[in-house]
Structure formats: C-alpha cells, structure tokens
Protein backbone atom coordinates (compact mmCIF):
# COMPACT_ATOMS: atom_id res chain seq x y z
CA UNK A 1 -9.95 -33.34 17.75
CA UNK A 2 -9.32 -30.19 19.97
CA UNK A 3 -6.63 -29.07 18.15
CA UNK A 4 -8.75 -28.60 14.91
CA UNK A 5 -11.13 -26.90 16.80
CA UNK A 6 -8.78 -24.53 17.84
CA UNK A 7 -7.63 -23.97 14.51
CA UNK A 8 -10.80 -23.50 13.13
CA UNK A 9 -11.89 -20.81 15.93
CA UNK A 10 -8.76 -18.94 14.98
CA UNK A 11 -9.39 -18.96 11.11
CA UNK A 12 -12.93 -17.63 11.79
CA UNK A 13 -11.43 -14.79 14.13
CA UNK A 14 -8.92 -13.89 11.53
CA UNK A 15 -11.02 -13.89 8.59
CA UNK A 16 -14.77 -13.18 9.54
CA UNK A 17 -15.76 -9.24 9.09
CA UNK A 18 -18.31 -9.46 11.69
CA UNK A 19 -17.27 -8.22 14.93
CA UNK A 20 -19.88 -10.17 17.00
CA UNK A 21 -18.48 -13.64 15.24
CA UNK A 22 -15.22 -12.75 15.86
CA UNK A 23 -16.12 -12.13 19.43
CA UNK A 24 -17.60 -15.55 19.62
CA UNK A 25 -14.54 -17.14 18.19
CA UNK A 26 -12.26 -15.29 20.74
CA UNK A 27 -14.18 -16.61 23.55
CA UNK A 28 -14.27 -20.08 22.09
CA UNK A 29 -10.24 -19.81 21.58
CA UNK A 30 -10.31 -18.77 25.35
CA UNK A 31 -11.44 -22.32 26.51
CA UNK A 32 -8.38 -24.18 24.34
CA UNK A 33 -5.88 -21.88 26.25
CA UNK A 34 -3.41 -23.00 23.49
CA UNK A 35 -0.98 -21.28 20.74
CA UNK A 36 -3.89 -20.45 18.75
CA UNK A 37 -5.37 -18.44 21.55
CA UNK A 38 -2.40 -16.55 22.06
CA UNK A 39 -2.43 -15.71 18.23
CA UNK A 40 -5.63 -14.60 18.75
CA UNK A 41 -5.06 -12.21 21.50
CA UNK A 42 -1.85 -10.47 19.69
CA UNK A 43 -4.26 -9.56 17.18
CA UNK A 44 -7.44 -8.88 19.05
CA UNK A 45 -5.26 -6.41 21.20
CA UNK A 46 -5.18 -4.46 17.89
CA UNK A 47 -8.61 -4.92 16.70
CA UNK A 48 -11.02 -1.77 15.70
CA UNK A 49 -13.32 -2.98 18.02
CA UNK A 50 -13.06 -2.11 21.78
CA UNK A 51 -15.19 -5.10 23.14
CA UNK A 52 -12.63 -7.46 21.15
CA UNK A 53 -9.57 -5.60 22.44
CA UNK A 54 -10.55 -5.64 25.90
CA UNK A 55 -12.02 -9.50 25.86
CA UNK A 56 -8.44 -9.87 24.43
CA UNK A 57 -6.56 -8.26 27.35
CA UNK A 58 -8.77 -10.25 30.00
CA UNK A 59 -7.76 -13.56 28.07
CA UNK A 60 -4.07 -12.38 28.18
CA UNK A 61 -4.56 -12.32 31.99
CA UNK A 62 -6.14 -15.74 31.85
CA UNK A 63 -3.22 -17.29 29.66
CA UNK A 64 -0.92 -15.47 32.12
CA UNK A 65 1.60 -15.92 29.25
CA UNK A 66 5.10 -13.69 29.30
CA UNK A 67 4.68 -13.45 25.37
CA UNK A 68 2.01 -11.23 26.11
CA UNK A 69 3.91 -8.49 28.03
CA UNK A 70 4.88 -6.88 24.88
CA UNK A 71 1.82 -6.59 23.04
CA UNK A 72 0.09 -5.33 26.06
CA UNK A 73 2.77 -2.80 26.86
CA UNK A 74 2.74 -1.49 23.33
CA UNK A 75 -1.26 -1.12 23.58
CA UNK A 76 -1.13 0.79 26.87
CA UNK A 77 1.14 3.25 25.12
CA UNK A 78 -0.35 3.76 21.96
CA UNK A 79 -4.30 3.85 23.22
CA UNK A 80 -4.42 5.76 26.69
CA UNK A 81 -7.90 6.89 25.16
CA UNK A 82 -9.47 3.21 25.96
CA UNK A 83 -9.85 3.34 29.80
CA UNK A 84 -11.61 -0.12 30.11
CA UNK A 85 -9.28 -1.80 27.86
CA UNK A 86 -6.47 -0.44 29.63
CA UNK A 87 -7.59 -1.11 33.16
CA UNK A 88 -7.79 -5.01 31.39
CA UNK A 89 -4.43 -4.63 29.74
CA UNK A 90 -2.90 -3.53 33.13
CA UNK A 91 -4.51 -6.28 35.22
CA UNK A 92 -3.39 -8.92 32.43
CA UNK A 93 0.26 -7.54 32.95
CA UNK A 94 0.01 -7.54 36.94
CA UNK A 95 -0.88 -11.49 36.83
CA UNK A 96 1.89 -12.03 33.97
CA UNK A 97 4.75 -9.79 35.84
CA UNK A 98 5.37 -11.66 39.27
CA UNK A 99 5.11 -8.98 41.66
CA UNK A 100 7.99 -9.09 44.37
CA UNK A 101 5.80 -9.88 46.93
CA UNK A 102 4.56 -13.33 45.39
CA UNK A 103 8.58 -14.38 45.62
CA UNK A 104 8.18 -14.46 49.47
CA UNK A 105 4.64 -16.67 49.08
CA UNK A 106 6.69 -18.83 47.07
CA UNK A 107 9.47 -19.21 49.14
CA UNK A 108 6.88 -19.85 52.31
CA UNK A 109 5.07 -22.38 50.12
CA UNK A 110 8.04 -24.45 49.23
CA UNK A 111 9.71 -24.58 52.61
CA UNK A 112 9.32 -27.84 54.12
CA UNK A 113 10.22 -26.60 57.56
CA UNK A 114 7.57 -23.62 57.68
CA UNK A 115 4.14 -24.25 59.52
CA UNK A 116 1.82 -26.07 57.50
CA UNK A 117 -0.82 -23.47 57.87
CA UNK A 118 1.46 -20.69 56.66
CA UNK A 119 2.07 -22.66 53.91
CA UNK A 120 -1.40 -23.15 53.17
CA UNK A 121 -2.10 -19.68 53.78
CA UNK A 122 0.87 -18.86 51.03
CA UNK A 123 -0.68 -21.35 48.22
CA UNK A 124 -3.98 -19.83 48.74
CA UNK A 125 -2.65 -16.62 47.69
CA UNK A 126 -1.79 -18.22 44.15
CA UNK A 127 -5.52 -18.79 43.63
CA UNK A 128 -6.74 -15.28 42.78
CA UNK A 129 -3.10 -14.19 41.85
CA UNK A 130 -2.18 -16.14 38.91
CA UNK A 131 1.83 -16.86 39.59
CA UNK A 132 3.24 -18.82 37.10
CA UNK A 133 6.55 -19.76 39.04
CA UNK A 134 4.40 -21.10 41.97
CA UNK A 135 3.16 -23.88 39.51
CA UNK A 136 5.96 -26.15 39.73
CA UNK A 137 6.10 -25.80 43.47
CA UNK A 138 2.54 -26.44 43.65
CA UNK A 139 2.82 -29.57 41.34
CA UNK A 140 6.03 -30.89 43.48
CA UNK A 141 3.77 -30.65 46.59
CA UNK A 142 1.07 -32.92 44.90
CA UNK A 143 3.24 -35.19 43.69
CA UNK A 144 5.40 -35.81 47.18
CA UNK A 145 3.64 -38.29 49.19
CA UNK A 146 5.96 -37.00 52.10
CA UNK A 147 4.12 -33.62 52.29
CA UNK A 148 1.14 -33.00 54.77
CA UNK A 149 -2.48 -34.37 53.03
CA UNK A 150 -4.29 -31.33 53.74
CA UNK A 151 -1.18 -29.05 52.13
CA UNK A 152 -1.18 -31.41 49.04
CA UNK A 153 -5.26 -31.14 48.63
CA UNK A 154 -5.06 -27.27 48.92
CA UNK A 155 -2.23 -27.12 46.29
CA UNK A 156 -4.32 -29.26 43.86
CA UNK A 157 -7.51 -27.02 44.20
CA UNK A 158 -5.36 -24.17 43.61
CA UNK A 159 -3.98 -25.59 40.57
CA UNK A 160 -7.45 -25.90 39.08
CA UNK A 161 -7.64 -22.13 38.92
CA UNK A 162 -5.03 -22.27 36.20
CA UNK A 163 -7.45 -23.96 33.83
CA UNK A 164 -6.90 -21.46 31.20
CA UNK A 165 -3.19 -20.73 31.65
CA UNK A 166 -0.97 -21.99 28.80
CA UNK A 167 1.41 -23.56 31.22
CA UNK A 168 -0.23 -26.81 31.46
C-alpha cells in the first residue's frame, strides 16, 4: 500500500549512489508526506548535492513539521555559502515558525462574533502561508453547521492547500 511505497522510496533515497535517482525518490516521498518523508528531509539537508539539499528544504516547508526547525537552523549556520538552499531553508522556517502576525489572523478567524467577511479574509491568509495552529480552527469551522456556509466553504478550500503537511 501507500506506506510500503513510502518505505521503498526512502530506501532508494538512502542507498542509491546516483544523485538523480535520489532526487526522484525525494520527490516521490514529497507526495506521501509521512514519517519517511521527514527522515528523508533530515538526511537530504546534509546531502553533498545542492539540488537535493534545496529540494529537501522546500519539502520541509511543505511538510511544515516542527521537527524540521533544528536541522534547518543547523544547515543555515553551517552552510552560508549555499545561497539558494539558504533561501529555501529560510522560507521553510518561516512556514514552520508561526509569526506573531498570524496569531491575530487565527484569533479573527476563530471569533464567531466577528464579521463573516473579516473572518474569510483571515482564513484566506492561511492559504499561501501554511500556519499549523490555524488547522484545528478551520477544521472546527468546517464541522460546525451553525457557521456561515460561505465561511465553511472557504475554510475547506484553504485546508486543501495543506495537502503536503504532515498535520493531517
């Protein structure tokens, strides 16, 4: 099944000497977004091939998993010369580390007394900025039949953008 495919892709990524084969295995793991993906990202961040490092950083941002913070920060400290990969690592950290501005949007989205359109605007912020603490708020909205139908629809649509997050 799906877990078997993920395991095989991880084995290929860890063992195959060819960078192109490992790159394809890494991209395959990206679609699974599971524990094996996280293992590959952690290893990929330290790969000798820059394309694998950069791809690993991008996937870390997609996964938005807090366990990636330490490996990404370590990479940034140890490899300032890898400019494109640094940019990808910084972007991933921005996704993982919820910035204070997003706390305000989460509060507005969760406030049942706030104007529906203001809540919708807050929710749409989470589409391009993957904010993990917003997931339970949006899930509660989608499940709550007393919420505005349009608000629930927008929340469901935004949750679809979290496809590759390990928070499922």
